[in-house]
Amino acid sequence: TLDTNLINQYVAAKGYTSIKTRSQYY
């Protein structure tokens, strides 16, 4: 999770639409 105080400052400003939580490969 990302601190809600940082969402507008970083996520919206930098074009992020979500937060990566996990990756899996085969």
mmCIF file of all heavy atoms, coordinates in Angstrom:
data_MODEL
# 
_entry.id   MODEL 
# 
loop_
_atom_site.group_PDB 
_atom_site.id 
_atom_site.type_symbol 
_atom_site.label_atom_id 
_atom_site.label_alt_id 
_atom_site.label_comp_id 
_atom_site.label_asym_id 
_atom_site.label_entity_id 
_atom_site.label_seq_id 
_atom_site.pdbx_PDB_ins_code 
_atom_site.Cartn_x 
_atom_site.Cartn_y 
_atom_site.Cartn_z 
_atom_site.occupancy 
_atom_site.B_iso_or_equiv 
_atom_site.pdbx_formal_charge 
_atom_site.auth_seq_id 
_atom_site.auth_comp_id 
_atom_site.auth_asym_id 
_atom_site.auth_atom_id 
_atom_site.pdbx_PDB_model_num 
ATOM 1   N N   . THR A 1 1  ? 0.831  -1.195  0.000   1.00 0.00 ? 1  THR A N   1 
ATOM 2   C CA  . THR A 1 1  ? 0.000  0.000   0.000   1.00 0.00 ? 1  THR A CA  1 
ATOM 3   C C   . THR A 1 1  ? 0.866  1.246   0.000   1.00 0.00 ? 1  THR A C   1 
ATOM 4   O O   . THR A 1 1  ? 2.019  1.233   0.428   1.00 0.00 ? 1  THR A O   1 
ATOM 5   C CB  . THR A 1 1  ? -0.921 0.025   1.226   1.00 0.00 ? 1  THR A CB  1 
ATOM 6   O OG1 . THR A 1 1  ? -0.122 -0.008  2.418   1.00 0.00 ? 1  THR A OG1 1 
ATOM 7   C CG2 . THR A 1 1  ? -1.854 -1.170  1.209   1.00 0.00 ? 1  THR A CG2 1 
ATOM 8   N N   . LEU A 1 2  ? 0.287  2.319   -0.480  1.00 0.00 ? 2  LEU A N   1 
ATOM 9   C CA  . LEU A 1 2  ? 0.966  3.606   -0.546  1.00 0.00 ? 2  LEU A CA  1 
ATOM 10  C C   . LEU A 1 2  ? 0.260  4.579   0.389   1.00 0.00 ? 2  LEU A C   1 
ATOM 11  O O   . LEU A 1 2  ? -0.971 4.637   0.429   1.00 0.00 ? 2  LEU A O   1 
ATOM 12  C CB  . LEU A 1 2  ? 0.934  4.141   -1.978  1.00 0.00 ? 2  LEU A CB  1 
ATOM 13  C CG  . LEU A 1 2  ? 1.642  5.471   -2.243  1.00 0.00 ? 2  LEU A CG  1 
ATOM 14  C CD1 . LEU A 1 2  ? 3.136  5.314   -2.020  1.00 0.00 ? 2  LEU A CD1 1 
ATOM 15  C CD2 . LEU A 1 2  ? 1.375  5.932   -3.662  1.00 0.00 ? 2  LEU A CD2 1 
ATOM 16  N N   . ASP A 1 3  ? 1.034  5.330   1.156   1.00 0.00 ? 3  ASP A N   1 
ATOM 17  C CA  . ASP A 1 3  ? 0.475  6.321   2.064   1.00 0.00 ? 3  ASP A CA  1 
ATOM 18  C C   . ASP A 1 3  ? -0.469 7.246   1.295   1.00 0.00 ? 3  ASP A C   1 
ATOM 19  O O   . ASP A 1 3  ? -0.123 7.804   0.256   1.00 0.00 ? 3  ASP A O   1 
ATOM 20  C CB  . ASP A 1 3  ? 1.628  7.136   2.679   1.00 0.00 ? 3  ASP A CB  1 
ATOM 21  C CG  . ASP A 1 3  ? 1.146  8.030   3.814   1.00 0.00 ? 3  ASP A CG  1 
ATOM 22  O OD1 . ASP A 1 3  ? 0.039  8.577   3.706   1.00 0.00 ? 3  ASP A OD1 1 
ATOM 23  O OD2 . ASP A 1 3  ? 1.890  8.174   4.791   1.00 0.00 ? 3  ASP A OD2 1 
ATOM 24  N N   . THR A 1 4  ? -1.698 7.426   1.821   1.00 0.00 ? 4  THR A N   1 
ATOM 25  C CA  . THR A 1 4  ? -2.692 8.236   1.113   1.00 0.00 ? 4  THR A CA  1 
ATOM 26  C C   . THR A 1 4  ? -2.226 9.669   0.911   1.00 0.00 ? 4  THR A C   1 
ATOM 27  O O   . THR A 1 4  ? -2.650 10.341  -0.036  1.00 0.00 ? 4  THR A O   1 
ATOM 28  C CB  . THR A 1 4  ? -4.022 8.242   1.887   1.00 0.00 ? 4  THR A CB  1 
ATOM 29  O OG1 . THR A 1 4  ? -3.783 8.657   3.237   1.00 0.00 ? 4  THR A OG1 1 
ATOM 30  C CG2 . THR A 1 4  ? -4.642 6.848   1.891   1.00 0.00 ? 4  THR A CG2 1 
ATOM 31  N N   . ASN A 1 5  ? -1.339 10.159  1.768   1.00 0.00 ? 5  ASN A N   1 
ATOM 32  C CA  . ASN A 1 5  ? -0.829 11.520  1.617   1.00 0.00 ? 5  ASN A CA  1 
ATOM 33  C C   . ASN A 1 5  ? 0.085  11.662  0.403   1.00 0.00 ? 5  ASN A C   1 
ATOM 34  O O   . ASN A 1 5  ? 0.357  12.767  -0.051  1.00 0.00 ? 5  ASN A O   1 
ATOM 35  C CB  . ASN A 1 5  ? -0.074 11.949  2.879   1.00 0.00 ? 5  ASN A CB  1 
ATOM 36  C CG  . ASN A 1 5  ? -0.977 12.034  4.090   1.00 0.00 ? 5  ASN A CG  1 
ATOM 37  O OD1 . ASN A 1 5  ? -2.138 12.415  3.968   1.00 0.00 ? 5  ASN A OD1 1 
ATOM 38  N ND2 . ASN A 1 5  ? -0.449 11.669  5.250   1.00 0.00 ? 5  ASN A ND2 1 
ATOM 39  N N   . LEU A 1 6  ? 0.576  10.520  -0.092  1.00 0.00 ? 6  LEU A N   1 
ATOM 40  C CA  . LEU A 1 6  ? 1.507  10.566  -1.217  1.00 0.00 ? 6  LEU A CA  1 
ATOM 41  C C   . LEU A 1 6  ? 0.837  10.262  -2.550  1.00 0.00 ? 6  LEU A C   1 
ATOM 42  O O   . LEU A 1 6  ? 1.448  10.436  -3.596  1.00 0.00 ? 6  LEU A O   1 
ATOM 43  C CB  . LEU A 1 6  ? 2.640  9.564   -0.994  1.00 0.00 ? 6  LEU A CB  1 
ATOM 44  C CG  . LEU A 1 6  ? 3.503  9.784   0.250   1.00 0.00 ? 6  LEU A CG  1 
ATOM 45  C CD1 . LEU A 1 6  ? 4.504  8.645   0.384   1.00 0.00 ? 6  LEU A CD1 1 
ATOM 46  C CD2 . LEU A 1 6  ? 4.217  11.109  0.170   1.00 0.00 ? 6  LEU A CD2 1 
ATOM 47  N N   . ILE A 1 7  ? -0.406 9.783   -2.523  1.00 0.00 ? 7  ILE A N   1 
ATOM 48  C CA  . ILE A 1 7  ? -1.042 9.342   -3.759  1.00 0.00 ? 7  ILE A CA  1 
ATOM 49  C C   . ILE A 1 7  ? -1.140 10.479  -4.769  1.00 0.00 ? 7  ILE A C   1 
ATOM 50  O O   . ILE A 1 7  ? -0.712 10.358  -5.926  1.00 0.00 ? 7  ILE A O   1 
ATOM 51  C CB  . ILE A 1 7  ? -2.429 8.747   -3.465  1.00 0.00 ? 7  ILE A CB  1 
ATOM 52  C CG1 . ILE A 1 7  ? -2.274 7.419   -2.724  1.00 0.00 ? 7  ILE A CG1 1 
ATOM 53  C CG2 . ILE A 1 7  ? -3.207 8.528   -4.768  1.00 0.00 ? 7  ILE A CG2 1 
ATOM 54  C CD1 . ILE A 1 7  ? -3.577 6.761   -2.361  1.00 0.00 ? 7  ILE A CD1 1 
ATOM 55  N N   . ASN A 1 8  ? -1.704 11.621  -4.362  1.00 0.00 ? 8  ASN A N   1 
ATOM 56  C CA  . ASN A 1 8  ? -1.859 12.728  -5.299  1.00 0.00 ? 8  ASN A CA  1 
ATOM 57  C C   . ASN A 1 8  ? -0.508 13.283  -5.745  1.00 0.00 ? 8  ASN A C   1 
ATOM 58  O O   . ASN A 1 8  ? -0.331 13.669  -6.888  1.00 0.00 ? 8  ASN A O   1 
ATOM 59  C CB  . ASN A 1 8  ? -2.692 13.849  -4.661  1.00 0.00 ? 8  ASN A CB  1 
ATOM 60  C CG  . ASN A 1 8  ? -4.139 13.440  -4.453  1.00 0.00 ? 8  ASN A CG  1 
ATOM 61  O OD1 . ASN A 1 8  ? -4.646 12.591  -5.179  1.00 0.00 ? 8  ASN A OD1 1 
ATOM 62  N ND2 . ASN A 1 8  ? -4.792 14.037  -3.467  1.00 0.00 ? 8  ASN A ND2 1 
ATOM 63  N N   . GLN A 1 9  ? 0.450  13.300  -4.820  1.00 0.00 ? 9  GLN A N   1 
ATOM 64  C CA  . GLN A 1 9  ? 1.747  13.884  -5.130  1.00 0.00 ? 9  GLN A CA  1 
ATOM 65  C C   . GLN A 1 9  ? 2.539  13.042  -6.108  1.00 0.00 ? 9  GLN A C   1 
ATOM 66  O O   . GLN A 1 9  ? 3.201  13.568  -7.001  1.00 0.00 ? 9  GLN A O   1 
ATOM 67  C CB  . GLN A 1 9  ? 2.556  14.078  -3.840  1.00 0.00 ? 9  GLN A CB  1 
ATOM 68  C CG  . GLN A 1 9  ? 3.918  14.723  -4.069  1.00 0.00 ? 9  GLN A CG  1 
ATOM 69  C CD  . GLN A 1 9  ? 4.689  14.895  -2.772  1.00 0.00 ? 9  GLN A CD  1 
ATOM 70  O OE1 . GLN A 1 9  ? 4.175  14.569  -1.707  1.00 0.00 ? 9  GLN A OE1 1 
ATOM 71  N NE2 . GLN A 1 9  ? 5.900  15.397  -2.863  1.00 0.00 ? 9  GLN A NE2 1 
ATOM 72  N N   . TYR A 1 10 ? 2.461  11.702  -5.977  1.00 0.00 ? 10 TYR A N   1 
ATOM 73  C CA  . TYR A 1 10 ? 3.322  10.851  -6.779  1.00 0.00 ? 10 TYR A CA  1 
ATOM 74  C C   . TYR A 1 10 ? 2.568  10.015  -7.810  1.00 0.00 ? 10 TYR A C   1 
ATOM 75  O O   . TYR A 1 10 ? 2.917  9.987   -8.973  1.00 0.00 ? 10 TYR A O   1 
ATOM 76  C CB  . TYR A 1 10 ? 4.129  9.919   -5.859  1.00 0.00 ? 10 TYR A CB  1 
ATOM 77  C CG  . TYR A 1 10 ? 5.129  10.653  -5.026  1.00 0.00 ? 10 TYR A CG  1 
ATOM 78  C CD1 . TYR A 1 10 ? 5.009  10.695  -3.643  1.00 0.00 ? 10 TYR A CD1 1 
ATOM 79  C CD2 . TYR A 1 10 ? 6.183  11.313  -5.611  1.00 0.00 ? 10 TYR A CD2 1 
ATOM 80  C CE1 . TYR A 1 10 ? 5.922  11.381  -2.858  1.00 0.00 ? 10 TYR A CE1 1 
ATOM 81  C CE2 . TYR A 1 10 ? 7.109  12.003  -4.848  1.00 0.00 ? 10 TYR A CE2 1 
ATOM 82  C CZ  . TYR A 1 10 ? 6.978  12.037  -3.476  1.00 0.00 ? 10 TYR A CZ  1 
ATOM 83  O OH  . TYR A 1 10 ? 7.876  12.711  -2.723  1.00 0.00 ? 10 TYR A OH  1 
ATOM 84  N N   . VAL A 1 11 ? 1.508  9.348   -7.390  1.00 0.00 ? 11 VAL A N   1 
ATOM 85  C CA  . VAL A 1 11 ? 0.824  8.436   -8.312  1.00 0.00 ? 11 VAL A CA  1 
ATOM 86  C C   . VAL A 1 11 ? 0.199  9.194   -9.470  1.00 0.00 ? 11 VAL A C   1 
ATOM 87  O O   . VAL A 1 11 ? 0.464  8.930   -10.631 1.00 0.00 ? 11 VAL A O   1 
ATOM 88  C CB  . VAL A 1 11 ? -0.250 7.617   -7.564  1.00 0.00 ? 11 VAL A CB  1 
ATOM 89  C CG1 . VAL A 1 11 ? -0.993 6.714   -8.542  1.00 0.00 ? 11 VAL A CG1 1 
ATOM 90  C CG2 . VAL A 1 11 ? 0.408  6.777   -6.479  1.00 0.00 ? 11 VAL A CG2 1 
ATOM 91  N N   . ALA A 1 12 ? -0.662 10.172  -9.164  1.00 0.00 ? 12 ALA A N   1 
ATOM 92  C CA  . ALA A 1 12 ? -1.336 10.910  -10.223 1.00 0.00 ? 12 ALA A CA  1 
ATOM 93  C C   . ALA A 1 12 ? -0.344 11.720  -11.056 1.00 0.00 ? 12 ALA A C   1 
ATOM 94  O O   . ALA A 1 12 ? -0.433 11.767  -12.280 1.00 0.00 ? 12 ALA A O   1 
ATOM 95  C CB  . ALA A 1 12 ? -2.399 11.826  -9.609  1.00 0.00 ? 12 ALA A CB  1 
ATOM 96  N N   . ALA A 1 13 ? 0.624  12.335  -10.387 1.00 0.00 ? 13 ALA A N   1 
ATOM 97  C CA  . ALA A 1 13 ? 1.569  13.184  -11.104 1.00 0.00 ? 13 ALA A CA  1 
ATOM 98  C C   . ALA A 1 13 ? 2.465  12.388  -12.044 1.00 0.00 ? 13 ALA A C   1 
ATOM 99  O O   . ALA A 1 13 ? 2.861  12.872  -13.096 1.00 0.00 ? 13 ALA A O   1 
ATOM 100 C CB  . ALA A 1 13 ? 2.415  13.971  -10.106 1.00 0.00 ? 13 ALA A CB  1 
ATOM 101 N N   . LYS A 1 14 ? 2.785  11.170  -11.672 1.00 0.00 ? 14 LYS A N   1 
ATOM 102 C CA  . LYS A 1 14 ? 3.722  10.382  -12.467 1.00 0.00 ? 14 LYS A CA  1 
ATOM 103 C C   . LYS A 1 14 ? 3.026  9.382   -13.394 1.00 0.00 ? 14 LYS A C   1 
ATOM 104 O O   . LYS A 1 14 ? 3.670  8.591   -14.056 1.00 0.00 ? 14 LYS A O   1 
ATOM 105 C CB  . LYS A 1 14 ? 4.685  9.634   -11.538 1.00 0.00 ? 14 LYS A CB  1 
ATOM 106 C CG  . LYS A 1 14 ? 5.597  10.553  -10.741 1.00 0.00 ? 14 LYS A CG  1 
ATOM 107 C CD  . LYS A 1 14 ? 6.460  11.389  -11.682 1.00 0.00 ? 14 LYS A CD  1 
ATOM 108 C CE  . LYS A 1 14 ? 7.291  12.388  -10.898 1.00 0.00 ? 14 LYS A CE  1 
ATOM 109 N NZ  . LYS A 1 14 ? 8.117  13.229  -11.786 1.00 0.00 ? 14 LYS A NZ  1 
ATOM 110 N N   . GLY A 1 15 ? 1.698  9.380   -13.419 1.00 0.00 ? 15 GLY A N   1 
ATOM 111 C CA  . GLY A 1 15 ? 0.999  8.550   -14.377 1.00 0.00 ? 15 GLY A CA  1 
ATOM 112 C C   . GLY A 1 15 ? 0.693  7.146   -13.917 1.00 0.00 ? 15 GLY A C   1 
ATOM 113 O O   . GLY A 1 15 ? 0.233  6.321   -14.703 1.00 0.00 ? 15 GLY A O   1 
ATOM 114 N N   . TYR A 1 16 ? 0.931  6.819   -12.660 1.00 0.00 ? 16 TYR A N   1 
ATOM 115 C CA  . TYR A 1 16 ? 0.607  5.497   -12.159 1.00 0.00 ? 16 TYR A CA  1 
ATOM 116 C C   . TYR A 1 16 ? -0.906 5.327   -12.042 1.00 0.00 ? 16 TYR A C   1 
ATOM 117 O O   . TYR A 1 16 ? -1.625 6.243   -11.635 1.00 0.00 ? 16 TYR A O   1 
ATOM 118 C CB  . TYR A 1 16 ? 1.238  5.264   -10.786 1.00 0.00 ? 16 TYR A CB  1 
ATOM 119 C CG  . TYR A 1 16 ? 2.672  4.832   -10.821 1.00 0.00 ? 16 TYR A CG  1 
ATOM 120 C CD1 . TYR A 1 16 ? 3.674  5.760   -10.995 1.00 0.00 ? 16 TYR A CD1 1 
ATOM 121 C CD2 . TYR A 1 16 ? 3.020  3.501   -10.685 1.00 0.00 ? 16 TYR A CD2 1 
ATOM 122 C CE1 . TYR A 1 16 ? 4.997  5.380   -11.025 1.00 0.00 ? 16 TYR A CE1 1 
ATOM 123 C CE2 . TYR A 1 16 ? 4.340  3.105   -10.709 1.00 0.00 ? 16 TYR A CE2 1 
ATOM 124 C CZ  . TYR A 1 16 ? 5.332  4.048   -10.881 1.00 0.00 ? 16 TYR A CZ  1 
ATOM 125 O OH  . TYR A 1 16 ? 6.638  3.666   -10.908 1.00 0.00 ? 16 TYR A OH  1 
ATOM 126 N N   . THR A 1 17 ? -1.381 4.155   -12.386 1.00 0.00 ? 17 THR A N   1 
ATOM 127 C CA  . THR A 1 17 ? -2.805 3.862   -12.223 1.00 0.00 ? 17 THR A CA  1 
ATOM 128 C C   . THR A 1 17 ? -3.051 2.883   -11.088 1.00 0.00 ? 17 THR A C   1 
ATOM 129 O O   . THR A 1 17 ? -4.197 2.683   -10.698 1.00 0.00 ? 17 THR A O   1 
ATOM 130 C CB  . THR A 1 17 ? -3.372 3.269   -13.526 1.00 0.00 ? 17 THR A CB  1 
ATOM 131 O OG1 . THR A 1 17 ? -2.656 2.073   -13.849 1.00 0.00 ? 17 THR A OG1 1 
ATOM 132 C CG2 . THR A 1 17 ? -3.237 4.254   -14.668 1.00 0.00 ? 17 THR A CG2 1 
ATOM 133 N N   . SER A 1 18 ? -2.020 2.260   -10.579 1.00 0.00 ? 18 SER A N   1 
ATOM 134 C CA  . SER A 1 18 ? -2.194 1.274   -9.518  1.00 0.00 ? 18 SER A CA  1 
ATOM 135 C C   . SER A 1 18 ? -0.852 0.994   -8.863  1.00 0.00 ? 18 SER A C   1 
ATOM 136 O O   . SER A 1 18 ? 0.177  1.490   -9.290  1.00 0.00 ? 18 SER A O   1 
ATOM 137 C CB  . SER A 1 18 ? -2.781 -0.021  -10.088 1.00 0.00 ? 18 SER A CB  1 
ATOM 138 O OG  . SER A 1 18 ? -1.903 -0.540  -11.066 1.00 0.00 ? 18 SER A OG  1 
ATOM 139 N N   . ILE A 1 19 ? -0.875 0.166   -7.844  1.00 0.00 ? 19 ILE A N   1 
ATOM 140 C CA  . ILE A 1 19 ? 0.322  -0.216  -7.114  1.00 0.00 ? 19 ILE A CA  1 
ATOM 141 C C   . ILE A 1 19 ? 0.597  -1.702  -7.349  1.00 0.00 ? 19 ILE A C   1 
ATOM 142 O O   . ILE A 1 19 ? -0.288 -2.542  -7.173  1.00 0.00 ? 19 ILE A O   1 
ATOM 143 C CB  . ILE A 1 19 ? 0.159  0.045   -5.603  1.00 0.00 ? 19 ILE A CB  1 
ATOM 144 C CG1 . ILE A 1 19 ? -0.156 1.529   -5.363  1.00 0.00 ? 19 ILE A CG1 1 
ATOM 145 C CG2 . ILE A 1 19 ? 1.403  -0.361  -4.844  1.00 0.00 ? 19 ILE A CG2 1 
ATOM 146 C CD1 . ILE A 1 19 ? 0.899  2.470   -5.853  1.00 0.00 ? 19 ILE A CD1 1 
ATOM 147 N N   . LYS A 1 20 ? 1.803  -2.043  -7.761  1.00 0.00 ? 20 LYS A N   1 
ATOM 148 C CA  . LYS A 1 20 ? 2.162  -3.440  -7.985  1.00 0.00 ? 20 LYS A CA  1 
ATOM 149 C C   . LYS A 1 20 ? 2.327  -4.143  -6.643  1.00 0.00 ? 20 LYS A C   1 
ATOM 150 O O   . LYS A 1 20 ? 3.079  -3.696  -5.780  1.00 0.00 ? 20 LYS A O   1 
ATOM 151 C CB  . LYS A 1 20 ? 3.456  -3.527  -8.788  1.00 0.00 ? 20 LYS A CB  1 
ATOM 152 C CG  . LYS A 1 20 ? 3.867  -4.960  -9.105  1.00 0.00 ? 20 LYS A CG  1 
ATOM 153 C CD  . LYS A 1 20 ? 5.034  -5.000  -10.096 1.00 0.00 ? 20 LYS A CD  1 
ATOM 154 C CE  . LYS A 1 20 ? 6.301  -4.452  -9.520  1.00 0.00 ? 20 LYS A CE  1 
ATOM 155 N NZ  . LYS A 1 20 ? 7.463  -4.678  -10.409 1.00 0.00 ? 20 LYS A NZ  1 
ATOM 156 N N   . THR A 1 21 ? 1.615  -5.239  -6.440  1.00 0.00 ? 21 THR A N   1 
ATOM 157 C CA  . THR A 1 21 ? 1.673  -5.969  -5.177  1.00 0.00 ? 21 THR A CA  1 
ATOM 158 C C   . THR A 1 21 ? 2.314  -7.342  -5.309  1.00 0.00 ? 21 THR A C   1 
ATOM 159 O O   . THR A 1 21 ? 2.781  -7.898  -4.322  1.00 0.00 ? 21 THR A O   1 
ATOM 160 C CB  . THR A 1 21 ? 0.262  -6.153  -4.601  1.00 0.00 ? 21 THR A CB  1 
ATOM 161 O OG1 . THR A 1 21 ? -0.536 -6.881  -5.551  1.00 0.00 ? 21 THR A OG1 1 
ATOM 162 C CG2 . THR A 1 21 ? -0.387 -4.807  -4.328  1.00 0.00 ? 21 THR A CG2 1 
ATOM 163 N N   . ARG A 1 22 ? 2.349  -7.908  -6.520  1.00 0.00 ? 22 ARG A N   1 
ATOM 164 C CA  . ARG A 1 22 ? 2.818  -9.281  -6.676  1.00 0.00 ? 22 ARG A CA  1 
ATOM 165 C C   . ARG A 1 22 ? 3.124  -9.535  -8.146  1.00 0.00 ? 22 ARG A C   1 
ATOM 166 O O   . ARG A 1 22 ? 2.538  -8.925  -9.038  1.00 0.00 ? 22 ARG A O   1 
ATOM 167 C CB  . ARG A 1 22 ? 1.732  -10.259 -6.195  1.00 0.00 ? 22 ARG A CB  1 
ATOM 168 C CG  . ARG A 1 22 ? 2.073  -11.731 -6.323  1.00 0.00 ? 22 ARG A CG  1 
ATOM 169 C CD  . ARG A 1 22 ? 0.854  -12.564 -5.933  1.00 0.00 ? 22 ARG A CD  1 
ATOM 170 N NE  . ARG A 1 22 ? 1.047  -13.984 -6.203  1.00 0.00 ? 22 ARG A NE  1 
ATOM 171 C CZ  . ARG A 1 22 ? 1.496  -14.857 -5.319  1.00 0.00 ? 22 ARG A CZ  1 
ATOM 172 N NH1 . ARG A 1 22 ? 1.789  -14.463 -4.109  1.00 0.00 ? 22 ARG A NH1 1 
ATOM 173 N NH2 . ARG A 1 22 ? 1.629  -16.138 -5.640  1.00 0.00 ? 22 ARG A NH2 1 
ATOM 174 N N   . SER A 1 23 ? 4.039  -10.442 -8.400  1.00 0.00 ? 23 SER A N   1 
ATOM 175 C CA  . SER A 1 23 ? 4.281  -10.914 -9.762  1.00 0.00 ? 23 SER A CA  1 
ATOM 176 C C   . SER A 1 23 ? 4.517  -12.418 -9.716  1.00 0.00 ? 23 SER A C   1 
ATOM 177 O O   . SER A 1 23 ? 4.982  -12.956 -8.710  1.00 0.00 ? 23 SER A O   1 
ATOM 178 C CB  . SER A 1 23 ? 5.486  -10.209 -10.385 1.00 0.00 ? 23 SER A CB  1 
ATOM 179 O OG  . SER A 1 23 ? 6.687  -10.588 -9.734  1.00 0.00 ? 23 SER A OG  1 
ATOM 180 N N   . GLN A 1 24 ? 4.193  -13.077 -10.802 1.00 0.00 ? 24 GLN A N   1 
ATOM 181 C CA  . GLN A 1 24 ? 4.325  -14.525 -10.889 1.00 0.00 ? 24 GLN A CA  1 
ATOM 182 C C   . GLN A 1 24 ? 4.748  -14.892 -12.300 1.00 0.00 ? 24 GLN A C   1 
ATOM 183 O O   . GLN A 1 24 ? 4.393  -14.205 -13.262 1.00 0.00 ? 24 GLN A O   1 
ATOM 184 C CB  . GLN A 1 24 ? 3.009  -15.215 -10.537 1.00 0.00 ? 24 GLN A CB  1 
ATOM 185 C CG  . GLN A 1 24 ? 3.110  -16.724 -10.346 1.00 0.00 ? 24 GLN A CG  1 
ATOM 186 C CD  . GLN A 1 24 ? 1.909  -17.272 -9.594  1.00 0.00 ? 24 GLN A CD  1 
ATOM 187 O OE1 . GLN A 1 24 ? 1.062  -16.527 -9.110  1.00 0.00 ? 24 GLN A OE1 1 
ATOM 188 N NE2 . GLN A 1 24 ? 1.829  -18.583 -9.488  1.00 0.00 ? 24 GLN A NE2 1 
ATOM 189 N N   . TYR A 1 25 ? 5.533  -15.975 -12.438 1.00 0.00 ? 25 TYR A N   1 
ATOM 190 C CA  . TYR A 1 25 ? 5.973  -16.361 -13.770 1.00 0.00 ? 25 TYR A CA  1 
ATOM 191 C C   . TYR A 1 25 ? 5.966  -17.872 -13.939 1.00 0.00 ? 25 TYR A C   1 
ATOM 192 O O   . TYR A 1 25 ? 6.070  -18.631 -12.977 1.00 0.00 ? 25 TYR A O   1 
ATOM 193 C CB  . TYR A 1 25 ? 7.379  -15.809 -14.064 1.00 0.00 ? 25 TYR A CB  1 
ATOM 194 C CG  . TYR A 1 25 ? 8.500  -16.530 -13.341 1.00 0.00 ? 25 TYR A CG  1 
ATOM 195 C CD1 . TYR A 1 25 ? 9.168  -17.601 -13.928 1.00 0.00 ? 25 TYR A CD1 1 
ATOM 196 C CD2 . TYR A 1 25 ? 8.893  -16.141 -12.064 1.00 0.00 ? 25 TYR A CD2 1 
ATOM 197 C CE1 . TYR A 1 25 ? 10.188 -18.262 -13.267 1.00 0.00 ? 25 TYR A CE1 1 
ATOM 198 C CE2 . TYR A 1 25 ? 9.909  -16.790 -11.397 1.00 0.00 ? 25 TYR A CE2 1 
ATOM 199 C CZ  . TYR A 1 25 ? 10.553 -17.850 -12.007 1.00 0.00 ? 25 TYR A CZ  1 
ATOM 200 O OH  . TYR A 1 25 ? 11.560 -18.515 -11.348 1.00 0.00 ? 25 TYR A OH  1 
ATOM 201 N N   . TYR A 1 26 ? 5.845  -18.297 -15.206 1.00 0.00 ? 26 TYR A N   1 
ATOM 202 C CA  . TYR A 1 26 ? 5.956  -19.695 -15.616 1.00 0.00 ? 26 TYR A CA  1 
ATOM 203 C C   . TYR A 1 26 ? 6.781  -19.721 -16.895 1.00 0.00 ? 26 TYR A C   1 
ATOM 204 O O   . TYR A 1 26 ? 6.563  -18.902 -17.801 1.00 0.00 ? 26 TYR A O   1 
ATOM 205 C CB  . TYR A 1 26 ? 4.582  -20.310 -15.887 1.00 0.00 ? 26 TYR A CB  1 
ATOM 206 C CG  . TYR A 1 26 ? 3.599  -20.181 -14.753 1.00 0.00 ? 26 TYR A CG  1 
ATOM 207 C CD1 . TYR A 1 26 ? 2.741  -19.087 -14.672 1.00 0.00 ? 26 TYR A CD1 1 
ATOM 208 C CD2 . TYR A 1 26 ? 3.517  -21.162 -13.765 1.00 0.00 ? 26 TYR A CD2 1 
ATOM 209 C CE1 . TYR A 1 26 ? 1.839  -18.970 -13.641 1.00 0.00 ? 26 TYR A CE1 1 
ATOM 210 C CE2 . TYR A 1 26 ? 2.610  -21.049 -12.724 1.00 0.00 ? 26 TYR A CE2 1 
ATOM 211 C CZ  . TYR A 1 26 ? 1.777  -19.952 -12.669 1.00 0.00 ? 26 TYR A CZ  1 
ATOM 212 O OH  . TYR A 1 26 ? 0.878  -19.833 -11.639 1.00 0.00 ? 26 TYR A OH  1 
# 
